[in-house]
Amino acid sequence: MKNTLRVAGVYIGAIIGAGYASGQEVLQFFTSSGWIGTIGAIITMILYPLLGYYLIVLGDKLKATSHKRALYHITGRYIGPVIDILIVFFLFGVAVVMVAGAGSLVSQQFGIPAIIGNIVLTLLVMLVMTLGLNRIVTVISWITPFAFLLVIIIAIYSVTTSSTDIATLESVATQQLAASPHWFLSALLHVSFNIVIAFGIMMMIGANEKDKVSAKRGAVLGGIVLGLIALIINLAVYANIDVLQYAEMPMLLLADQFHPVLGALMGLALFGMILSTAVPCLYTVGARFIQADTRNFKIGVVILSIAAFSLSFIGFTELVNTVYPLQGYVGFVLLAGLLVNVIRTRGRTEQALL
C-alpha cells in the first residue's frame, strides 16, 4: 500500500503544479466553457488512470532510462526525433511557467515582489534535482496529500457558499480566456499536455520500481485523483467565477476568503506543488541529453534552472494560455502512438494464443 500511495503521489505531483492546483489552468480548460466544462473534467477521470497505467507497463517493458527510447518506440524513427525535440522544448516551457507561477503566488498571497518567488523556486529546483530520482519521488509524494486535502476543503466551502445565479455564472465563465474553442477539445488537450509532463518520470518509475503491481495501482489511483481534483476545482471556480475572473490564482483567492490562515497554508502548498512539477520537467529535459544523476547532469540542470528563471518574466496567465494548449497538440501525436502500440501489442498477443 505504501508503494501504491507513493507512485500515486508522484503522478499527481508531477502534473498538478502551479496552473492546475491554483485554478488558472482549470479555468482556461474547463470553466471557460461554462457548465458543460464539467463533463470535460469527468472525462479526464477516465483517461488519466488508463494512460498512467500504460506508461508504467511500457516503462517496465522498455526498461527506460530516459523518455527518448520509449518515445522512439511509440512514434517511430522518423516522427520520433521531431516529437522528441518538441516535447523537450515544451517541458522546458512548463518549467518556465512554474517559475513564473511561483512569482505570481508570492506576489498575490504575501505581497512580496514576484522576483523573490522566482529566485527561491529556482534555487529549490537546483537543490532537489541534485538529490537523485529516488529522493525526487519521495519529496513529491510528501507534498501531494497535504495539498489535495486543502483543495478539497476550499472547493467544498466555495461551492456551498456561492449564491450567484446560474445565468450570471454562465455569462461570466464563457467570457474567460479559453484554451480552445470547444469544451471536448479542451478536455483532450488538458490530458494530452499533462501526460507529456508525466511521461518521462512515469516511464522511469515503470522501469525502476521493483513492486510492479503497486506501481500500476498507484498510476490508476493517481489518475483517478487527478481527474477528481480537476472536477472539484472546476465546480468551485465556476460557482465563484464572478469574483475570480481577474485572479491569476483563483483557488488561492478562495482560500483567503475562507480564512487568512488557510490562505497562507494554501500558498505554501501551492508553492510545493509548483516545485513538484518543475522538478520532473527539468529532470526529464536534463536526462534526455546527459546521463542522469552524474556530475555533468547536476551542472546541466543548474544551467537549465537559470535559463527557466530568465524566461519566467513573460507572465503566468499568458504562459499558461500559450504553452499548455500548444503542448497539448504535440501530445496528441504521443497519445496516437500509445494507442497504436496498444493495438499492435494486443494483436501480437492474440496471434500467439491462436
Protein backbone atom coordinates (compact mmCIF):
# COMPACT_ATOMS: atom_id res chain seq x y z
CA MET A 1 0.00 0.00 0.00
CA LYS A 2 2.87 2.35 0.82
CA ASN A 3 4.38 1.97 -2.66
CA THR A 4 0.96 2.41 -4.28
CA LEU A 5 0.43 5.72 -2.50
CA ARG A 6 4.00 6.76 -3.25
CA VAL A 7 3.60 6.27 -7.02
CA ALA A 8 0.15 7.88 -6.96
CA GLY A 9 1.67 10.87 -5.20
CA VAL A 10 4.36 11.21 -7.86
CA TYR A 11 1.84 11.00 -10.72
CA ILE A 12 -0.36 13.65 -9.12
CA GLY A 13 2.54 15.80 -8.01
CA ALA A 14 4.23 15.79 -11.41
CA ILE A 15 1.10 17.16 -13.06
CA ILE A 16 -0.74 19.26 -10.50
CA GLY A 17 1.69 22.20 -10.45
CA ALA A 18 1.01 25.93 -10.44
CA GLY A 19 -1.57 26.03 -13.21
CA TYR A 20 -3.63 23.03 -12.11
CA ALA A 21 -3.93 23.47 -8.35
CA SER A 22 -4.11 27.27 -8.49
CA GLY A 23 -7.27 27.02 -10.61
CA GLN A 24 -5.92 29.06 -13.54
CA GLU A 25 -5.38 26.02 -15.75
CA VAL A 26 -8.77 24.51 -14.84
CA LEU A 27 -10.40 27.88 -15.52
CA GLN A 28 -8.97 28.07 -19.05
CA PHE A 29 -9.54 24.39 -19.98
CA PHE A 30 -12.91 23.70 -18.31
CA THR A 31 -14.64 26.62 -16.59
CA SER A 32 -14.35 28.90 -19.64
CA SER A 33 -16.71 26.51 -21.48
CA GLY A 34 -19.47 27.09 -18.95
CA TRP A 35 -21.39 24.30 -17.22
CA ILE A 36 -20.54 21.78 -19.94
CA GLY A 37 -16.88 22.04 -18.99
CA THR A 38 -17.80 19.84 -16.02
CA ILE A 39 -18.32 16.94 -18.43
CA GLY A 40 -14.83 17.54 -19.78
CA ALA A 41 -13.43 17.26 -16.24
CA ILE A 42 -15.30 13.97 -15.74
CA ILE A 43 -13.75 12.60 -18.95
CA THR A 44 -10.28 13.17 -17.50
CA MET A 45 -11.16 10.82 -14.62
CA ILE A 46 -11.25 8.02 -17.19
CA LEU A 47 -8.26 8.99 -19.34
CA TYR A 48 -5.69 9.76 -16.63
CA PRO A 49 -5.85 6.30 -14.95
CA LEU A 50 -5.70 4.46 -18.28
CA LEU A 51 -2.72 6.41 -19.56
CA GLY A 52 -0.84 6.33 -16.26
CA TYR A 53 -1.24 2.54 -16.05
CA TYR A 54 0.02 2.04 -19.58
CA LEU A 55 3.05 4.29 -19.07
CA ILE A 56 4.10 2.13 -16.11
CA VAL A 57 3.66 -1.04 -18.18
CA LEU A 58 5.59 0.38 -21.12
CA GLY A 59 8.37 1.73 -18.90
CA ASP A 60 8.79 -1.75 -17.39
CA LYS A 61 8.80 -3.36 -20.81
CA LEU A 62 11.40 -1.00 -22.30
CA LYS A 63 13.47 -0.51 -19.12
CA ALA A 64 13.54 3.20 -19.94
CA THR A 65 16.42 5.29 -18.60
CA SER A 66 15.07 8.42 -20.31
CA HIS A 67 12.00 9.26 -22.34
CA LYS A 68 13.92 9.06 -25.65
CA ARG A 69 13.93 5.29 -26.17
CA ALA A 70 10.29 4.95 -25.21
CA LEU A 71 9.30 7.86 -27.41
CA TYR A 72 11.04 6.42 -30.47
CA HIS A 73 9.43 3.05 -29.78
CA ILE A 74 5.99 4.66 -29.66
CA THR A 75 6.17 7.18 -32.52
CA GLY A 76 8.71 5.55 -34.86
CA ARG A 77 12.21 6.50 -36.01
CA TYR A 78 11.04 9.24 -38.41
CA ILE A 79 8.43 11.05 -36.34
CA GLY A 80 10.17 10.25 -33.04
CA PRO A 81 13.07 12.74 -33.36
CA VAL A 82 10.69 15.60 -34.19
CA ILE A 83 8.34 14.85 -31.30
CA ASP A 84 11.33 14.30 -29.05
CA ILE A 85 12.65 17.82 -29.64
CA LEU A 86 9.18 19.35 -29.32
CA ILE A 87 8.50 17.56 -26.03
CA VAL A 88 11.84 18.65 -24.62
CA PHE A 89 11.08 22.22 -25.69
CA PHE A 90 7.61 22.23 -24.13
CA LEU A 91 8.71 20.51 -20.92
CA PHE A 92 11.20 23.29 -20.51
CA GLY A 93 8.34 25.71 -21.25
CA VAL A 94 6.27 24.19 -18.43
CA ALA A 95 9.21 24.66 -16.07
CA VAL A 96 9.27 28.33 -17.10
CA VAL A 97 5.52 28.53 -16.31
CA MET A 98 6.20 27.04 -12.86
CA VAL A 99 8.87 29.63 -12.08
CA ALA A 100 6.51 32.40 -13.23
CA GLY A 101 3.76 30.85 -11.11
CA ALA A 102 5.97 31.00 -8.02
CA GLY A 103 6.39 34.72 -8.59
CA SER A 104 2.64 35.27 -9.05
CA LEU A 105 1.92 33.25 -5.92
CA VAL A 106 4.15 35.18 -3.52
CA SER A 107 3.02 38.46 -5.05
CA GLN A 108 -0.73 37.70 -4.75
CA GLN A 109 -0.64 35.95 -1.38
CA PHE A 110 2.15 37.58 0.60
CA GLY A 111 2.68 40.93 -1.14
CA ILE A 112 6.31 40.03 -1.87
CA PRO A 113 7.93 41.12 -5.17
CA ALA A 114 7.40 38.36 -7.74
CA ILE A 115 11.12 38.07 -8.47
CA ILE A 116 11.70 36.76 -4.92
CA GLY A 117 9.38 33.83 -5.58
CA ASN A 118 11.09 33.17 -8.90
CA ILE A 119 14.52 33.11 -7.26
CA VAL A 120 13.51 30.90 -4.31
CA LEU A 121 11.83 28.33 -6.55
CA THR A 122 14.82 28.24 -8.91
CA LEU A 123 17.21 27.59 -6.01
CA LEU A 124 14.96 24.84 -4.60
CA VAL A 125 14.71 23.16 -8.01
CA MET A 126 18.50 23.12 -8.27
CA LEU A 127 18.78 21.60 -4.80
CA VAL A 128 16.14 18.89 -5.26
CA MET A 129 17.42 17.80 -8.68
CA THR A 130 20.89 17.15 -7.31
CA LEU A 131 19.46 14.61 -4.83
CA GLY A 132 18.68 11.86 -7.40
CA LEU A 133 15.49 10.22 -8.73
CA ASN A 134 14.54 8.26 -5.58
CA ARG A 135 14.66 11.35 -3.38
CA ILE A 136 12.79 13.36 -6.00
CA VAL A 137 10.00 10.76 -5.90
CA THR A 138 9.90 10.95 -2.11
CA VAL A 139 9.84 14.76 -1.97
CA ILE A 140 6.99 14.96 -4.48
CA SER A 141 4.93 12.27 -2.72
CA TRP A 142 5.15 14.15 0.60
CA ILE A 143 3.64 17.32 -0.80
CA THR A 144 0.64 15.86 -2.63
CA PRO A 145 -1.68 14.61 0.19
CA PHE A 146 -1.48 17.88 2.11
CA ALA A 147 -2.24 19.95 -0.98
CA PHE A 148 -5.10 17.67 -2.05
CA LEU A 149 -6.77 17.98 1.37
CA LEU A 150 -6.61 21.78 1.25
CA VAL A 151 -8.05 21.89 -2.27
CA ILE A 152 -10.98 19.67 -1.22
CA ILE A 153 -11.77 21.81 1.84
CA ILE A 154 -11.61 25.09 -0.08
CA ALA A 155 -13.62 23.78 -3.03
CA ILE A 156 -16.44 22.35 -0.89
CA TYR A 157 -16.68 25.58 1.10
CA SER A 158 -16.70 27.71 -2.05
CA VAL A 159 -19.40 25.69 -3.82
CA THR A 160 -21.70 25.57 -0.79
CA THR A 161 -21.43 29.31 -0.02
CA SER A 162 -21.89 30.61 -3.56
CA SER A 163 -25.15 32.50 -4.09
CA THR A 164 -24.73 33.82 -7.66
CA ASP A 165 -27.41 32.70 -10.13
CA ILE A 166 -26.53 30.23 -12.89
CA ALA A 167 -27.26 32.65 -15.73
CA THR A 168 -24.71 35.15 -14.40
CA LEU A 169 -22.10 32.43 -13.79
CA GLU A 170 -22.56 31.07 -17.31
CA SER A 171 -22.28 34.51 -18.86
CA VAL A 172 -19.07 35.41 -16.99
CA ALA A 173 -17.50 31.96 -17.40
CA THR A 174 -17.85 31.88 -21.17
CA GLN A 175 -16.12 35.27 -21.45
CA GLN A 176 -12.90 33.99 -19.83
CA LEU A 177 -9.63 33.24 -21.62
CA ALA A 178 -10.06 29.73 -23.06
CA ALA A 179 -7.56 27.03 -24.04
CA SER A 180 -9.59 26.06 -27.13
CA PRO A 181 -12.91 26.94 -28.81
CA HIS A 182 -14.64 23.67 -27.78
CA TRP A 183 -15.08 22.00 -24.38
CA PHE A 184 -14.29 18.47 -25.59
CA LEU A 185 -11.11 19.56 -27.36
CA SER A 186 -10.08 21.43 -24.20
CA ALA A 187 -10.54 18.26 -22.12
CA LEU A 188 -8.41 16.23 -24.52
CA LEU A 189 -5.76 18.95 -24.63
CA HIS A 190 -5.67 19.01 -20.84
CA VAL A 191 -4.96 15.29 -20.62
CA SER A 192 -2.58 15.39 -23.58
CA PHE A 193 -0.26 18.11 -22.36
CA ASN A 194 -0.24 16.77 -18.79
CA ILE A 195 0.69 13.28 -19.97
CA VAL A 196 3.63 14.84 -21.80
CA ILE A 197 4.74 16.29 -18.45
CA ALA A 198 4.39 12.97 -16.61
CA PHE A 199 5.63 10.79 -19.50
CA GLY A 200 9.33 10.73 -18.62
CA ILE A 201 9.11 10.24 -14.87
CA MET A 202 6.29 7.64 -15.08
CA MET A 203 8.26 5.66 -17.66
CA MET A 204 11.33 5.69 -15.40
CA ILE A 205 9.24 4.60 -12.41
CA GLY A 206 7.90 1.73 -14.52
CA ALA A 207 11.47 0.73 -15.35
CA ASN A 208 12.94 1.12 -11.85
CA GLU A 209 10.14 0.27 -9.41
CA LYS A 210 10.57 -3.29 -8.10
CA ASP A 211 6.97 -3.69 -6.95
CA LYS A 212 5.27 -3.57 -10.36
CA VAL A 213 1.77 -4.32 -9.06
CA SER A 214 1.90 -1.42 -6.62
CA ALA A 215 3.29 0.86 -9.34
CA LYS A 216 0.35 0.05 -11.62
CA ARG A 217 -2.16 0.52 -8.82
CA GLY A 218 -0.51 3.81 -7.93
CA ALA A 219 -0.82 5.04 -11.51
CA VAL A 220 -4.53 4.18 -11.59
CA LEU A 221 -5.19 5.75 -8.18
CA GLY A 222 -3.21 8.85 -9.07
CA GLY A 223 -5.08 9.19 -12.37
CA ILE A 224 -8.47 8.99 -10.68
CA VAL A 225 -7.46 11.60 -8.12
CA LEU A 226 -6.14 13.92 -10.86
CA GLY A 227 -9.50 13.81 -12.61
CA LEU A 228 -11.32 14.29 -9.31
CA ILE A 229 -9.21 17.34 -8.47
CA ALA A 230 -9.96 18.87 -11.88
CA LEU A 231 -13.69 18.27 -11.34
CA ILE A 232 -13.74 19.72 -7.82
CA ILE A 233 -11.67 22.79 -8.71
CA ASN A 234 -13.82 23.41 -11.77
CA LEU A 235 -17.01 23.35 -9.69
CA ALA A 236 -15.50 25.72 -7.13
CA VAL A 237 -14.18 28.18 -9.73
CA TYR A 238 -17.39 28.08 -11.78
CA ALA A 239 -19.55 28.70 -8.69
CA ASN A 240 -17.49 31.82 -7.90
CA ILE A 241 -16.35 32.94 -11.35
CA ASP A 242 -17.90 36.39 -10.90
CA VAL A 243 -15.33 37.23 -8.20
CA LEU A 244 -12.45 35.13 -9.59
CA GLN A 245 -12.38 36.26 -13.21
CA TYR A 246 -9.36 38.56 -12.77
CA ALA A 247 -7.36 36.42 -10.30
CA GLU A 248 -4.19 34.75 -11.57
CA MET A 249 -4.60 32.07 -8.89
CA PRO A 250 -8.34 31.60 -8.27
CA MET A 251 -8.04 28.84 -5.64
CA LEU A 252 -5.68 31.00 -3.61
CA LEU A 253 -8.23 33.82 -3.57
CA LEU A 254 -10.95 31.37 -2.47
CA ALA A 255 -8.70 30.15 0.33
CA ASP A 256 -8.20 33.72 1.56
CA GLN A 257 -11.97 34.28 1.56
CA PHE A 258 -12.37 31.15 3.70
CA HIS A 259 -9.75 32.28 6.27
CA PRO A 260 -6.40 34.13 6.02
CA VAL A 261 -4.61 31.27 7.80
CA LEU A 262 -5.98 28.76 5.29
CA GLY A 263 -4.92 31.14 2.54
CA ALA A 264 -1.36 31.14 3.88
CA LEU A 265 -1.34 27.32 4.13
CA MET A 266 -2.73 27.06 0.60
CA GLY A 267 0.00 29.40 -0.59
CA LEU A 268 2.67 27.16 0.91
CA ALA A 269 1.02 24.03 -0.52
CA LEU A 270 0.81 25.63 -3.96
CA PHE A 271 4.47 26.52 -3.77
CA GLY A 272 5.24 22.88 -3.00
CA MET A 273 3.13 21.72 -5.94
CA ILE A 274 4.86 24.18 -8.24
CA LEU A 275 8.16 22.66 -7.16
CA SER A 276 6.77 19.15 -7.67
CA THR A 277 6.03 19.91 -11.33
CA ALA A 278 9.11 21.98 -12.14
CA VAL A 279 11.49 19.28 -10.93
CA PRO A 280 10.24 16.35 -13.11
CA CYS A 281 10.08 18.65 -16.15
CA LEU A 282 13.67 19.83 -15.86
CA TYR A 283 14.84 16.38 -14.73
CA THR A 284 13.38 14.83 -17.89
CA VAL A 285 14.92 17.53 -20.11
CA GLY A 286 18.32 17.07 -18.47
CA ALA A 287 18.16 13.26 -18.63
CA ARG A 288 17.40 13.49 -22.35
CA PHE A 289 20.90 14.88 -23.05
CA ILE A 290 23.06 13.83 -20.09
CA GLN A 291 23.26 10.61 -18.07
CA ALA A 292 21.04 11.19 -15.05
CA ASP A 293 22.48 11.64 -11.56
CA THR A 294 26.04 12.25 -12.73
CA ARG A 295 28.22 15.28 -12.04
CA ASN A 296 27.65 16.63 -15.57
CA PHE A 297 23.90 16.12 -15.14
CA LYS A 298 23.89 18.23 -11.97
CA ILE A 299 25.76 21.00 -13.77
CA GLY A 300 23.33 20.75 -16.69
CA VAL A 301 20.19 21.05 -14.56
CA VAL A 302 21.61 24.09 -12.79
CA ILE A 303 22.06 25.76 -16.19
CA LEU A 304 18.53 24.74 -17.22
CA SER A 305 17.13 26.19 -13.98
CA ILE A 306 18.84 29.52 -14.57
CA ALA A 307 17.51 29.60 -18.14
CA ALA A 308 13.94 28.91 -16.90
CA PHE A 309 14.29 31.72 -14.39
CA SER A 310 15.43 34.12 -17.12
CA LEU A 311 12.35 33.43 -19.25
CA SER A 312 9.80 33.45 -16.42
CA PHE A 313 9.02 37.17 -16.57
CA ILE A 314 6.64 36.89 -19.55
CA GLY A 315 3.67 36.42 -17.19
CA PHE A 316 1.93 33.44 -15.60
CA THR A 317 -1.55 33.65 -17.17
CA GLU A 318 -0.13 34.37 -20.63
CA LEU A 319 2.29 31.46 -20.41
CA VAL A 320 -0.47 29.04 -19.33
CA ASN A 321 -2.66 30.11 -22.26
CA THR A 322 0.18 29.77 -24.78
CA VAL A 323 2.44 26.92 -23.68
CA TYR A 324 -0.16 24.45 -22.39
CA PRO A 325 -2.51 24.23 -25.41
CA LEU A 326 0.44 24.04 -27.84
CA GLN A 327 1.98 21.24 -25.80
CA GLY A 328 -1.40 19.52 -25.81
CA TYR A 329 -1.47 19.43 -29.62
CA VAL A 330 2.03 17.94 -29.67
CA GLY A 331 0.88 15.44 -27.06
CA PHE A 332 -1.84 14.21 -29.43
CA VAL A 333 0.89 12.60 -31.53
CA LEU A 334 2.22 10.83 -28.43
CA LEU A 335 -1.27 9.63 -27.46
CA ALA A 336 -1.86 8.36 -31.00
CA GLY A 337 1.41 6.46 -30.81
CA LEU A 338 0.42 4.93 -27.47
CA LEU A 339 -2.92 3.83 -28.93
CA VAL A 340 -1.25 2.22 -31.95
CA ASN A 341 1.23 0.48 -29.66
CA VAL A 342 -1.60 -0.94 -27.55
CA ILE A 343 -3.37 -2.26 -30.66
CA ARG A 344 -0.17 -3.84 -32.00
CA THR A 345 0.67 -5.47 -28.68
CA ARG A 346 -2.84 -6.87 -28.35
CA GLY A 347 -2.70 -8.14 -31.93
CA ARG A 348 0.58 -9.99 -31.30
CA THR A 349 -0.80 -11.46 -28.08
CA GLU A 350 -3.92 -12.75 -29.83
CA GLN A 351 -1.83 -14.32 -32.62
CA ALA A 352 0.37 -16.06 -30.06
CA LEU A 353 -2.70 -17.60 -28.44
CA LEU A 354 -4.06 -18.99 -31.72
